[in-house]
Amino acid sequence: MRGALRLFAAGLSAAAVAALGSTAFAGEEKPCGEQYSLEEQLMLEWAALGGDPHAQFALAQCALPEGAKDLAPEARAYAVKWVTLASCDAVGADDVAARDRRTRRLKAQGDLSFRRFEGLENDDDIDLNRKEKRFVEYREHKTKELMNRMKRLKKMASSEEFDFARAELGDQFARFGPLGRMRFATLAGCPQLDAPKSYVAAAWASAADAWDEKRDSLKTVYGAPEKSDWSFRKEAEARVAGLSTLDRATFDYEKQTFERYDDERLAALEADAALARLGEMSTLGSVEFASPAADPVATTRPAAEPAAITGDQTEGERNLLVEISSRAMPDAAPGPTAGFEGPSVTIATQYALEALGFMEFVNGPDNDYGPSTIEAVARAQSKSGMAPTRWMSHREVRDTICRAATEAGDPVSYYHVATMYLRGQGFPKQLAKARYAINQADALLEVKLLDRSSLPKWKADVYPKIRAEILAAKAELDAEWGSLPAATQASMNNWRASSEGLCR
């Protein structure tokens, strides 16, 4: 960070800063992008949101430099946001003064340094040191500049742009959780924000509710709320009580806008989204997984009934994919049971995730879509640049198995790819690709079994059983291939056998 910015943040007066010469520094009447690097400007924004007056003055000044007239729409929106925030903290409303009068008590009690506690009264018994007195003088000077800037901005920007800035600030503080809501509640009544009474009341009520809930879960950390003095709950109740019938009609909606980032609400939305995704995954006739047959000799399979979500969803959520998966590869399609209960895409997915390095097993895949598998799925999705979720769509399952086969050389995943092409599940039925995949599975597994002692115990135990299933599937494939007319075989062999083209 440039030295001048550090000096400015230390609270130098305007005259002292000017003495630094012509070097670019915070406080110049220049656009922000001409004074600061990206990192410096973002640091100023973060500090300004927290209430640092130096950062607020600096951003207001560079967002709307002296003499600036025709700002681009995005630059004007930026200026409205930061000049408004700085103005609200500098001269604010009674809410800000009440907050700061209360905060001044902590100066003596907690040995806090003086920054900006608004609302100083003549009879306030507060001892300012020389540096703090200089800051008060500096603040008064910058506040006058700020108010002049706000007057200019009011002439340049529309009321809609100010409304948008208010909504953006409210949204940004709400994302910070209970602390952010507390901070914005004390700003919501600022005249520069020009917020409706219902909006201000909603901001206070939302902050009070958030801290009631937080304190209930952290009683050993936070003390009891004030009962006789200024408190969030009392301030919220006073504002809600003062609403008209018409204002009350919009109060609930406004309050929800502040609460949309609650942890519990986000968790509920995530669960709903996951269940909705499961519903999509259960439709086996979808293009994503059960693709229509494309082979000249392919048989048309009837669409399966959607998998039902039954039982206690809270308890059974982990196993829902297992129910659906067992239908995705029907019983007619043999899977690597290897002592496990029935064929399942869950096992196939676990083998693939293990081969790709996203999970490890002590005793092998367990056919349980539990926490370990869920975490592995999330890691795999993040690695692919996708938003991590608890579940995989049919297409993701198919692509993961394919990657494990063709990129990691996993023989079990090659076997699963062969099964999909043989049965027409996940891919259109294509015997040529099925034969290539099964031959790869057989060859790779044979090599691994030659050095069985180097394998993890569970693989040494399971691989021979899977080898038997591979040989059985290979015999079935060879028999079906041999029954085809020579012309059909020739047309299928037009596919150029390769790992790269296997899953396309």
Protein backbone atom coordinates (compact mmCIF):
# COMPACT_ATOMS: atom_id res chain seq x y z
CA MET A 1 0.00 0.00 0.00
CA ARG A 2 1.29 3.44 -0.77
CA GLY A 3 2.89 5.25 2.13
CA ALA A 4 0.61 8.26 1.73
CA LEU A 5 -2.46 6.12 2.22
CA ARG A 6 -1.06 4.78 5.48
CA LEU A 7 -0.32 8.31 6.64
CA PHE A 8 -3.80 9.45 5.74
CA ALA A 9 -5.35 6.57 7.61
CA ALA A 10 -3.35 7.64 10.64
CA GLY A 11 -5.41 10.83 10.77
CA LEU A 12 -3.20 13.59 9.38
CA SER A 13 -4.82 16.95 8.88
CA ALA A 14 -5.42 18.21 5.36
CA ALA A 15 -2.51 20.64 5.69
CA ALA A 16 -0.13 17.94 6.81
CA VAL A 17 -1.11 15.70 3.94
CA ALA A 18 -0.69 18.53 1.46
CA ALA A 19 2.87 18.98 2.67
CA LEU A 20 3.73 15.60 1.18
CA GLY A 21 3.95 17.21 -2.24
CA SER A 22 2.50 16.17 -5.57
CA THR A 23 2.61 12.41 -4.98
CA ALA A 24 -0.83 10.77 -5.36
CA PHE A 25 -2.36 10.25 -1.92
CA ALA A 26 -5.74 9.74 -0.29
CA GLY A 27 -7.63 13.00 -0.31
CA GLU A 28 -6.77 14.24 -3.79
CA GLU A 29 -9.61 15.49 -5.94
CA LYS A 30 -9.13 12.67 -8.43
CA PRO A 31 -11.23 9.64 -9.42
CA CYS A 32 -10.56 6.62 -7.21
CA GLY A 33 -9.09 4.57 -10.04
CA GLU A 34 -6.45 7.24 -10.67
CA GLN A 35 -5.35 7.40 -7.03
CA TYR A 36 -5.50 3.85 -5.73
CA SER A 37 -4.69 0.37 -6.83
CA LEU A 38 -7.55 -2.12 -6.82
CA GLU A 39 -6.35 -3.56 -3.51
CA GLU A 40 -6.11 -0.15 -1.85
CA GLN A 41 -9.59 0.83 -2.96
CA LEU A 42 -11.10 -2.43 -1.72
CA MET A 43 -9.38 -1.94 1.64
CA LEU A 44 -10.88 1.53 1.84
CA GLU A 45 -14.33 0.14 1.05
CA TRP A 46 -14.04 -2.52 3.73
CA ALA A 47 -12.91 0.04 6.31
CA ALA A 48 -15.68 2.43 5.24
CA LEU A 49 -18.34 -0.21 5.74
CA GLY A 50 -16.97 -0.75 9.24
CA GLY A 51 -17.34 2.97 10.00
CA ASP A 52 -13.78 4.26 9.63
CA PRO A 53 -14.15 8.01 8.99
CA HIS A 54 -10.85 8.40 7.12
CA ALA A 55 -11.80 5.69 4.65
CA GLN A 56 -15.28 7.18 4.22
CA PHE A 57 -13.94 10.68 3.56
CA ALA A 58 -11.40 9.31 1.09
CA LEU A 59 -13.95 7.28 -0.87
CA ALA A 60 -16.48 10.11 -0.95
CA GLN A 61 -13.81 12.47 -2.24
CA CYS A 62 -12.53 10.23 -5.01
CA ALA A 63 -16.02 8.97 -5.96
CA LEU A 64 -17.15 12.55 -6.57
CA PRO A 65 -14.06 14.75 -7.07
CA GLU A 66 -14.36 18.50 -7.06
CA GLY A 67 -15.33 19.68 -10.53
CA ALA A 68 -16.71 16.32 -11.68
CA LYS A 69 -19.87 16.87 -13.69
CA ASP A 70 -20.71 14.15 -16.17
CA LEU A 71 -20.22 10.79 -14.50
CA ALA A 72 -20.90 7.49 -16.23
CA PRO A 73 -23.96 5.69 -14.79
CA GLU A 74 -21.86 3.15 -12.89
CA ALA A 75 -19.58 5.89 -11.52
CA ARG A 76 -22.60 7.92 -10.43
CA ALA A 77 -24.08 4.89 -8.65
CA TYR A 78 -20.74 4.35 -6.90
CA ALA A 79 -20.64 7.97 -5.78
CA VAL A 80 -24.21 7.86 -4.45
CA LYS A 81 -23.44 4.79 -2.37
CA TRP A 82 -20.23 5.96 -0.71
CA VAL A 83 -21.05 9.65 -0.32
CA THR A 84 -24.36 8.69 1.28
CA LEU A 85 -22.72 6.24 3.68
CA ALA A 86 -20.08 8.78 4.69
CA SER A 87 -22.73 11.48 5.18
CA CYS A 88 -24.89 9.23 7.34
CA ASP A 89 -21.99 8.37 9.63
CA ALA A 90 -20.72 11.96 9.76
CA VAL A 91 -23.93 13.83 10.61
CA GLY A 92 -26.43 10.95 10.68
CA ALA A 93 -29.66 10.73 12.59
CA ASP A 94 -30.51 10.67 16.26
CA ASP A 95 -29.94 6.90 16.10
CA VAL A 96 -26.27 7.46 15.30
CA ALA A 97 -25.87 10.04 18.04
CA ALA A 98 -27.52 7.73 20.59
CA ARG A 99 -25.25 4.90 19.55
CA ASP A 100 -22.14 7.04 19.82
CA ARG A 101 -23.09 8.60 23.15
CA ARG A 102 -23.40 5.09 24.50
CA THR A 103 -20.11 4.05 22.91
CA ARG A 104 -18.24 6.92 24.58
CA ARG A 105 -18.77 5.24 27.91
CA LEU A 106 -16.45 2.50 26.74
CA LYS A 107 -13.63 4.99 26.21
CA ALA A 108 -12.88 5.23 29.92
CA GLN A 109 -14.09 1.75 30.83
CA GLY A 110 -12.25 -0.10 28.07
CA ASP A 111 -9.40 2.38 27.47
CA LEU A 112 -10.53 2.86 23.86
CA SER A 113 -8.82 5.38 21.65
CA PHE A 114 -11.08 8.15 20.37
CA ARG A 115 -12.11 7.77 16.73
CA ARG A 116 -15.47 9.32 16.01
CA PHE A 117 -18.21 9.18 18.60
CA GLU A 118 -20.85 11.44 17.13
CA GLY A 119 -23.26 13.47 19.22
CA LEU A 120 -20.80 15.33 21.45
CA GLU A 121 -22.59 17.69 23.81
CA ASN A 122 -21.14 20.67 25.67
CA ASP A 123 -21.67 19.03 29.01
CA ASP A 124 -20.13 15.73 27.97
CA ASP A 125 -17.42 14.83 30.41
CA ILE A 126 -14.91 13.39 27.99
CA ASP A 127 -11.20 14.00 28.11
CA LEU A 128 -9.68 14.40 24.65
CA ASN A 129 -5.95 14.28 24.17
CA ARG A 130 -4.18 16.54 21.67
CA LYS A 131 -4.32 14.02 18.86
CA GLU A 132 -8.03 13.48 19.42
CA LYS A 133 -8.72 17.22 19.44
CA ARG A 134 -6.86 17.54 16.13
CA PHE A 135 -9.03 14.79 14.77
CA VAL A 136 -12.21 16.60 15.87
CA GLU A 137 -11.05 19.69 13.99
CA TYR A 138 -10.12 17.62 10.96
CA ARG A 139 -13.47 15.85 11.05
CA GLU A 140 -15.39 19.11 11.14
CA HIS A 141 -13.45 20.34 8.11
CA LYS A 142 -14.05 17.13 6.15
CA THR A 143 -17.71 17.00 7.16
CA LYS A 144 -18.33 20.43 5.64
CA GLU A 145 -16.68 19.23 2.43
CA LEU A 146 -18.81 16.11 2.56
CA MET A 147 -22.07 18.01 2.90
CA ASN A 148 -21.18 20.19 -0.08
CA ARG A 149 -20.41 17.02 -2.02
CA MET A 150 -23.81 15.62 -1.08
CA LYS A 151 -25.55 18.77 -2.33
CA ARG A 152 -23.79 18.44 -5.69
CA LEU A 153 -24.69 14.77 -5.86
CA LYS A 154 -28.38 15.46 -5.19
CA LYS A 155 -28.43 17.60 -8.32
CA MET A 156 -26.67 14.96 -10.43
CA ALA A 157 -28.39 11.73 -9.35
CA SER A 158 -32.03 10.71 -9.51
CA SER A 159 -34.16 9.63 -6.55
CA GLU A 160 -34.17 6.12 -8.04
CA GLU A 161 -30.37 6.02 -7.83
CA PHE A 162 -30.51 6.99 -4.16
CA ASP A 163 -33.15 4.30 -3.54
CA PHE A 164 -30.92 1.76 -5.24
CA ALA A 165 -27.93 2.79 -3.12
CA ARG A 166 -30.00 2.38 0.05
CA ALA A 167 -31.09 -1.10 -1.01
CA GLU A 168 -27.53 -2.07 -1.93
CA LEU A 169 -26.15 -0.90 1.42
CA GLY A 170 -28.92 -2.72 3.29
CA ASP A 171 -28.22 -5.88 1.35
CA GLN A 172 -24.47 -5.63 1.89
CA PHE A 173 -24.78 -5.16 5.64
CA ALA A 174 -27.37 -7.94 5.89
CA ARG A 175 -24.84 -10.32 4.36
CA PHE A 176 -22.51 -9.61 7.31
CA GLY A 177 -24.99 -11.31 9.65
CA PRO A 178 -26.16 -9.95 13.03
CA LEU A 179 -23.27 -7.46 13.31
CA GLY A 180 -24.03 -6.05 9.89
CA ARG A 181 -27.72 -5.71 10.70
CA MET A 182 -26.89 -3.91 13.93
CA ARG A 183 -24.65 -1.52 12.02
CA PHE A 184 -27.24 -0.76 9.35
CA ALA A 185 -30.08 -0.35 11.85
CA THR A 186 -28.34 2.70 13.32
CA LEU A 187 -27.92 4.13 9.82
CA ALA A 188 -31.35 3.32 8.39
CA GLY A 189 -32.96 6.46 9.81
CA CYS A 190 -30.31 8.72 8.30
CA PRO A 191 -31.99 11.63 6.43
CA GLN A 192 -29.68 11.10 3.46
CA LEU A 193 -31.04 7.57 3.02
CA ASP A 194 -34.60 8.93 2.99
CA ALA A 195 -35.98 5.51 3.99
CA PRO A 196 -39.69 4.91 4.72
CA LYS A 197 -40.65 4.35 8.36
CA SER A 198 -41.49 0.73 7.64
CA TYR A 199 -37.98 0.17 6.27
CA VAL A 200 -36.30 1.73 9.32
CA ALA A 201 -38.48 -0.27 11.71
CA ALA A 202 -37.74 -3.46 9.77
CA ALA A 203 -34.00 -2.82 10.00
CA TRP A 204 -34.21 -2.41 13.78
CA ALA A 205 -36.55 -5.37 14.32
CA SER A 206 -34.34 -7.58 12.16
CA ALA A 207 -31.22 -6.59 14.14
CA ALA A 208 -32.95 -7.16 17.47
CA ASP A 209 -34.24 -10.59 16.43
CA ALA A 210 -30.83 -11.61 15.10
CA TRP A 211 -29.11 -10.75 18.37
CA ASP A 212 -31.79 -12.38 20.51
CA GLU A 213 -31.23 -15.62 18.59
CA LYS A 214 -27.44 -15.30 18.65
CA ARG A 215 -27.30 -14.59 22.38
CA ASP A 216 -29.59 -17.55 23.13
CA SER A 217 -27.00 -19.84 21.56
CA LEU A 218 -24.00 -18.04 23.10
CA LYS A 219 -25.09 -17.14 26.62
CA THR A 220 -21.62 -17.82 27.98
CA VAL A 221 -20.18 -15.27 25.54
CA TYR A 222 -22.64 -12.36 25.56
CA GLY A 223 -24.14 -10.56 28.53
CA ALA A 224 -27.80 -9.78 29.05
CA PRO A 225 -29.36 -6.94 27.03
CA GLU A 226 -29.97 -3.53 28.59
CA LYS A 227 -33.29 -3.13 30.39
CA SER A 228 -33.27 0.51 31.46
CA ASP A 229 -31.02 2.17 28.87
CA TRP A 230 -30.67 2.21 25.09
CA SER A 231 -31.04 -1.29 23.60
CA PHE A 232 -31.83 -2.85 20.25
CA ARG A 233 -35.05 -4.45 21.42
CA LYS A 234 -36.41 -1.23 22.92
CA GLU A 235 -35.47 0.78 19.85
CA ALA A 236 -37.08 -1.80 17.57
CA GLU A 237 -40.31 -1.98 19.57
CA ALA A 238 -40.61 1.81 19.65
CA ARG A 239 -40.29 2.05 15.88
CA VAL A 240 -42.68 -0.79 15.15
CA ALA A 241 -45.25 0.67 17.54
CA GLY A 242 -45.09 3.96 15.67
CA LEU A 243 -46.07 2.46 12.32
CA SER A 244 -49.41 3.25 10.73
CA THR A 245 -51.69 0.51 9.44
CA LEU A 246 -50.41 1.16 5.94
CA ASP A 247 -46.78 1.01 7.08
CA ARG A 248 -47.41 -2.28 8.89
CA ALA A 249 -48.55 -3.76 5.59
CA THR A 250 -45.05 -3.32 4.15
CA PHE A 251 -43.10 -3.85 7.38
CA ASP A 252 -43.13 -7.67 7.18
CA TYR A 253 -41.89 -7.65 3.60
CA GLU A 254 -39.10 -5.17 4.40
CA LYS A 255 -38.04 -7.26 7.41
CA GLN A 256 -37.75 -10.36 5.24
CA THR A 257 -35.32 -8.56 2.94
CA PHE A 258 -32.90 -8.24 5.87
CA GLU A 259 -33.43 -11.82 7.01
CA ARG A 260 -32.90 -13.59 3.70
CA TYR A 261 -29.29 -14.37 4.63
CA ASP A 262 -30.09 -16.02 7.97
CA ASP A 263 -28.11 -19.23 8.43
CA GLU A 264 -31.23 -21.27 9.19
CA ARG A 265 -33.08 -19.86 6.19
CA LEU A 266 -30.17 -20.55 3.86
CA ALA A 267 -29.86 -24.08 5.23
CA ALA A 268 -33.57 -24.67 4.62
CA LEU A 269 -33.29 -23.34 1.07
CA GLU A 270 -30.28 -25.56 0.43
CA ALA A 271 -32.19 -28.60 1.70
CA ASP A 272 -35.19 -27.72 -0.49
CA ALA A 273 -32.92 -27.30 -3.50
CA ALA A 274 -31.26 -30.64 -2.79
CA LEU A 275 -34.62 -32.42 -2.57
CA ALA A 276 -35.79 -30.74 -5.76
CA ARG A 277 -32.63 -31.91 -7.46
CA LEU A 278 -33.28 -35.43 -6.24
CA GLY A 279 -36.70 -35.23 -7.85
CA GLU A 280 -35.08 -34.37 -11.17
CA MET A 281 -32.58 -37.17 -10.77
CA SER A 282 -35.35 -39.70 -10.18
CA THR A 283 -36.74 -39.36 -13.70
CA LEU A 284 -34.89 -42.11 -15.52
CA GLY A 285 -36.35 -41.27 -18.89
CA SER A 286 -34.56 -37.93 -18.93
CA VAL A 287 -32.07 -37.11 -21.66
CA GLU A 288 -29.34 -36.65 -19.06
CA PHE A 289 -28.99 -40.25 -17.93
CA ALA A 290 -31.22 -42.71 -19.72
CA SER A 291 -30.36 -41.57 -23.23
CA PRO A 292 -32.41 -43.01 -26.11
CA ALA A 293 -30.88 -45.99 -27.87
CA ALA A 294 -28.77 -45.16 -30.92
CA ASP A 295 -27.50 -48.59 -31.98
CA PRO A 296 -29.09 -50.25 -35.05
CA VAL A 297 -29.90 -53.26 -32.88
CA ALA A 298 -30.72 -51.39 -29.68
CA THR A 299 -33.79 -52.45 -27.78
CA THR A 300 -36.17 -49.83 -26.48
CA ARG A 301 -36.48 -49.94 -22.72
CA PRO A 302 -39.67 -48.74 -21.04
CA ALA A 303 -39.22 -45.65 -18.89
CA ALA A 304 -39.00 -46.50 -15.22
CA GLU A 305 -41.32 -45.00 -12.65
CA PRO A 306 -39.79 -42.05 -10.79
CA ALA A 307 -38.12 -43.09 -7.57
CA ALA A 308 -40.34 -42.31 -4.62
CA ILE A 309 -39.10 -40.38 -1.63
CA THR A 310 -40.46 -42.30 1.29
CA GLY A 311 -39.98 -42.48 5.02
CA ASP A 312 -38.62 -39.85 7.33
CA GLN A 313 -36.79 -37.46 5.02
CA THR A 314 -34.60 -36.05 7.76
CA GLU A 315 -33.38 -39.49 8.70
CA GLY A 316 -33.44 -40.96 5.24
CA GLU A 317 -31.95 -38.13 3.22
CA ARG A 318 -28.59 -39.81 2.97
CA ASN A 319 -30.04 -42.94 1.40
CA LEU A 320 -32.38 -41.28 -1.10
CA LEU A 321 -29.78 -41.41 -3.84
CA VAL A 322 -29.28 -45.10 -3.17
CA GLU A 323 -32.99 -45.72 -3.78
CA ILE A 324 -32.86 -43.75 -7.01
CA SER A 325 -29.53 -45.18 -8.09
CA SER A 326 -30.69 -48.77 -7.76
CA ARG A 327 -33.27 -47.99 -10.43
CA ALA A 328 -30.82 -46.13 -12.65
CA MET A 329 -29.03 -49.42 -13.33
CA PRO A 330 -31.82 -52.02 -13.10
CA ASP A 331 -31.36 -55.48 -11.66
CA ALA A 332 -30.89 -56.85 -15.16
CA ALA A 333 -27.60 -55.00 -15.32
CA PRO A 334 -25.06 -56.82 -13.13
CA GLY A 335 -22.94 -54.56 -10.97
CA PRO A 336 -19.87 -55.21 -8.84
CA THR A 337 -21.80 -56.49 -5.85
CA ALA A 338 -18.69 -57.97 -4.27
CA GLY A 339 -20.53 -58.85 -1.11
CA PHE A 340 -22.58 -55.65 -1.14
CA GLU A 341 -26.34 -55.57 -1.31
CA GLY A 342 -27.49 -55.38 -4.92
CA PRO A 343 -26.29 -53.30 -7.86
CA SER A 344 -26.14 -49.58 -7.20
CA VAL A 345 -24.88 -46.46 -8.88
CA THR A 346 -23.86 -45.33 -5.40
CA ILE A 347 -21.17 -48.02 -5.33
CA ALA A 348 -20.14 -47.16 -8.88
CA THR A 349 -19.86 -43.50 -7.90
CA GLN A 350 -17.83 -44.36 -4.80
CA TYR A 351 -15.38 -46.43 -6.86
CA ALA A 352 -15.01 -43.52 -9.29
CA LEU A 353 -14.52 -40.91 -6.56
CA GLU A 354 -11.89 -43.12 -4.92
CA ALA A 355 -10.04 -43.62 -8.20
CA LEU A 356 -10.01 -39.86 -8.82
CA GLY A 357 -8.59 -39.19 -5.35
CA PHE A 358 -11.63 -37.55 -3.78
CA MET A 359 -12.21 -40.19 -1.08
CA GLU A 360 -10.50 -43.11 0.62
CA PHE A 361 -11.82 -46.41 1.98
CA VAL A 362 -10.63 -48.71 4.72
CA ASN A 363 -12.97 -51.59 3.89
CA GLY A 364 -14.11 -50.57 0.41
CA PRO A 365 -17.26 -48.85 -0.91
CA ASP A 366 -20.19 -49.33 1.46
CA ASN A 367 -23.21 -48.42 -0.71
CA ASP A 368 -24.07 -45.68 1.80
CA TYR A 369 -24.52 -42.16 0.46
CA GLY A 370 -23.31 -40.76 3.76
CA PRO A 371 -21.18 -37.83 4.93
CA SER A 372 -17.93 -39.12 3.41
CA THR A 373 -19.51 -39.56 -0.01
CA ILE A 374 -21.29 -36.21 0.22
CA GLU A 375 -18.00 -34.45 1.03
CA ALA A 376 -16.26 -36.27 -1.82
CA VAL A 377 -19.01 -35.21 -4.23
CA ALA A 378 -18.62 -31.59 -3.12
CA ARG A 379 -14.84 -31.75 -3.62
CA ALA A 380 -15.25 -33.26 -7.08
CA GLN A 381 -17.76 -30.59 -8.09
CA SER A 382 -15.51 -27.79 -6.79
CA LYS A 383 -12.54 -29.22 -8.71
CA SER A 384 -14.66 -29.15 -11.88
CA GLY A 385 -15.56 -25.50 -11.30
CA MET A 386 -19.13 -26.27 -10.28
CA ALA A 387 -21.02 -25.11 -7.20
CA PRO A 388 -20.57 -27.83 -4.56
CA THR A 389 -23.81 -29.55 -3.53
CA ARG A 390 -24.78 -32.69 -1.67
CA TRP A 391 -25.89 -34.56 -4.77
CA MET A 392 -24.86 -35.44 -8.32
CA SER A 393 -27.18 -35.37 -11.29
CA HIS A 394 -27.28 -38.42 -13.54
CA ARG A 395 -25.05 -36.65 -16.04
CA GLU A 396 -22.51 -35.84 -13.32
CA VAL A 397 -22.55 -39.47 -12.13
CA ARG A 398 -21.97 -40.69 -15.66
CA ASP A 399 -19.19 -38.19 -16.36
CA THR A 400 -17.45 -38.94 -13.05
CA ILE A 401 -17.41 -42.68 -13.79
CA CYS A 402 -16.10 -41.96 -17.29
CA ARG A 403 -13.30 -39.76 -15.96
CA ALA A 404 -12.28 -42.39 -13.43
CA ALA A 405 -12.04 -44.91 -16.27
CA THR A 406 -10.35 -42.87 -18.98
CA GLU A 407 -8.24 -40.47 -16.86
CA ALA A 408 -7.42 -42.56 -13.79
CA GLY A 409 -7.38 -45.93 -15.58
CA ASP A 410 -9.70 -47.51 -13.01
CA PRO A 411 -10.70 -51.02 -14.19
CA VAL A 412 -13.90 -51.06 -12.12
CA SER A 413 -15.05 -47.78 -13.66
CA TYR A 414 -14.27 -49.15 -17.14
CA TYR A 415 -16.51 -52.09 -16.23
CA HIS A 416 -19.29 -49.70 -15.23
CA VAL A 417 -18.92 -47.77 -18.50
CA ALA A 418 -19.18 -51.07 -20.38
CA THR A 419 -22.32 -51.93 -18.43
CA MET A 420 -23.90 -48.59 -19.32
CA TYR A 421 -23.20 -49.05 -23.03
CA LEU A 422 -24.37 -52.66 -22.91
CA ARG A 423 -27.68 -51.84 -21.20
CA GLY A 424 -28.35 -48.47 -22.81
CA GLN A 425 -28.35 -46.78 -19.41
CA GLY A 426 -26.48 -43.49 -19.11
CA PHE A 427 -25.45 -43.77 -22.76
CA PRO A 428 -27.23 -45.01 -25.86
CA LYS A 429 -26.65 -48.72 -26.29
CA GLN A 430 -23.45 -49.17 -28.30
CA LEU A 431 -21.91 -52.61 -28.35
CA ALA A 432 -18.65 -51.46 -29.95
CA LYS A 433 -17.93 -49.05 -27.11
CA ALA A 434 -19.12 -51.59 -24.55
CA ARG A 435 -16.65 -54.14 -25.94
CA TYR A 436 -13.79 -51.64 -25.85
CA ALA A 437 -14.58 -50.67 -22.23
CA ILE A 438 -14.94 -54.28 -21.04
CA ASN A 439 -11.65 -55.26 -22.69
CA GLN A 440 -9.93 -52.32 -20.99
CA ALA A 441 -11.45 -53.33 -17.65
CA ASP A 442 -10.29 -56.93 -18.08
CA ALA A 443 -6.75 -56.00 -19.11
CA LEU A 444 -6.23 -53.37 -16.39
CA LEU A 445 -7.63 -55.56 -13.63
CA GLU A 446 -5.51 -58.50 -14.73
CA VAL A 447 -2.39 -56.34 -14.38
CA LYS A 448 -3.41 -55.19 -10.90
CA LEU A 449 -4.06 -58.77 -9.76
CA LEU A 450 -0.59 -59.82 -10.87
CA ASP A 451 0.75 -57.74 -7.97
CA ARG A 452 -2.09 -58.43 -5.56
CA SER A 453 0.14 -58.06 -2.49
CA SER A 454 0.64 -54.36 -3.22
CA LEU A 455 -3.10 -53.66 -3.24
CA PRO A 456 -5.02 -52.40 -0.19
CA LYS A 457 -6.61 -55.35 1.57
CA TRP A 458 -10.14 -54.47 0.52
CA LYS A 459 -9.12 -54.30 -3.15
CA ALA A 460 -7.21 -57.57 -2.88
CA ASP A 461 -10.39 -59.17 -1.54
CA VAL A 462 -12.87 -57.53 -3.92
CA TYR A 463 -11.01 -57.45 -7.25
CA PRO A 464 -11.16 -61.23 -7.89
CA LYS A 465 -14.95 -61.14 -7.50
CA ILE A 466 -15.20 -58.18 -9.85
CA ARG A 467 -12.94 -60.00 -12.34
CA ALA A 468 -15.44 -62.86 -12.41
CA GLU A 469 -18.26 -60.40 -13.16
CA ILE A 470 -16.20 -58.74 -15.89
CA LEU A 471 -15.55 -62.09 -17.56
CA ALA A 472 -19.26 -62.94 -17.38
CA ALA A 473 -20.21 -59.59 -18.93
CA LYS A 474 -17.51 -60.04 -21.57
CA ALA A 475 -18.92 -63.44 -22.53
CA GLU A 476 -22.40 -61.94 -22.79
CA LEU A 477 -21.11 -59.12 -24.97
CA ASP A 478 -19.20 -61.47 -27.25
CA ALA A 479 -22.28 -63.64 -27.67
CA GLU A 480 -24.50 -60.68 -28.57
CA TRP A 481 -21.83 -59.32 -30.90
CA GLY A 482 -21.46 -62.66 -32.63
CA SER A 483 -25.19 -62.83 -33.30
CA LEU A 484 -25.12 -59.63 -35.35
CA PRO A 485 -24.89 -59.67 -39.16
CA ALA A 486 -21.45 -58.92 -40.53
CA ALA A 487 -22.68 -55.67 -42.11
CA THR A 488 -23.97 -54.45 -38.75
CA GLN A 489 -20.68 -55.31 -37.08
CA ALA A 490 -18.81 -53.43 -39.78
CA SER A 491 -20.97 -50.32 -39.37
CA MET A 492 -20.37 -50.38 -35.59
CA ASN A 493 -16.64 -50.75 -36.05
CA ASN A 494 -16.54 -47.36 -37.77
CA TRP A 495 -16.04 -45.96 -34.27
CA ARG A 496 -12.37 -45.30 -33.70
CA ALA A 497 -11.62 -47.10 -30.45
CA SER A 498 -9.89 -44.83 -27.91
CA SER A 499 -10.22 -43.72 -24.33
CA GLU A 500 -10.61 -40.11 -25.48
CA GLY A 501 -13.67 -40.88 -27.59
CA LEU A 502 -15.23 -43.47 -25.30
CA CYS A 503 -17.55 -41.18 -23.37
CA ARG A 504 -18.52 -38.79 -26.15
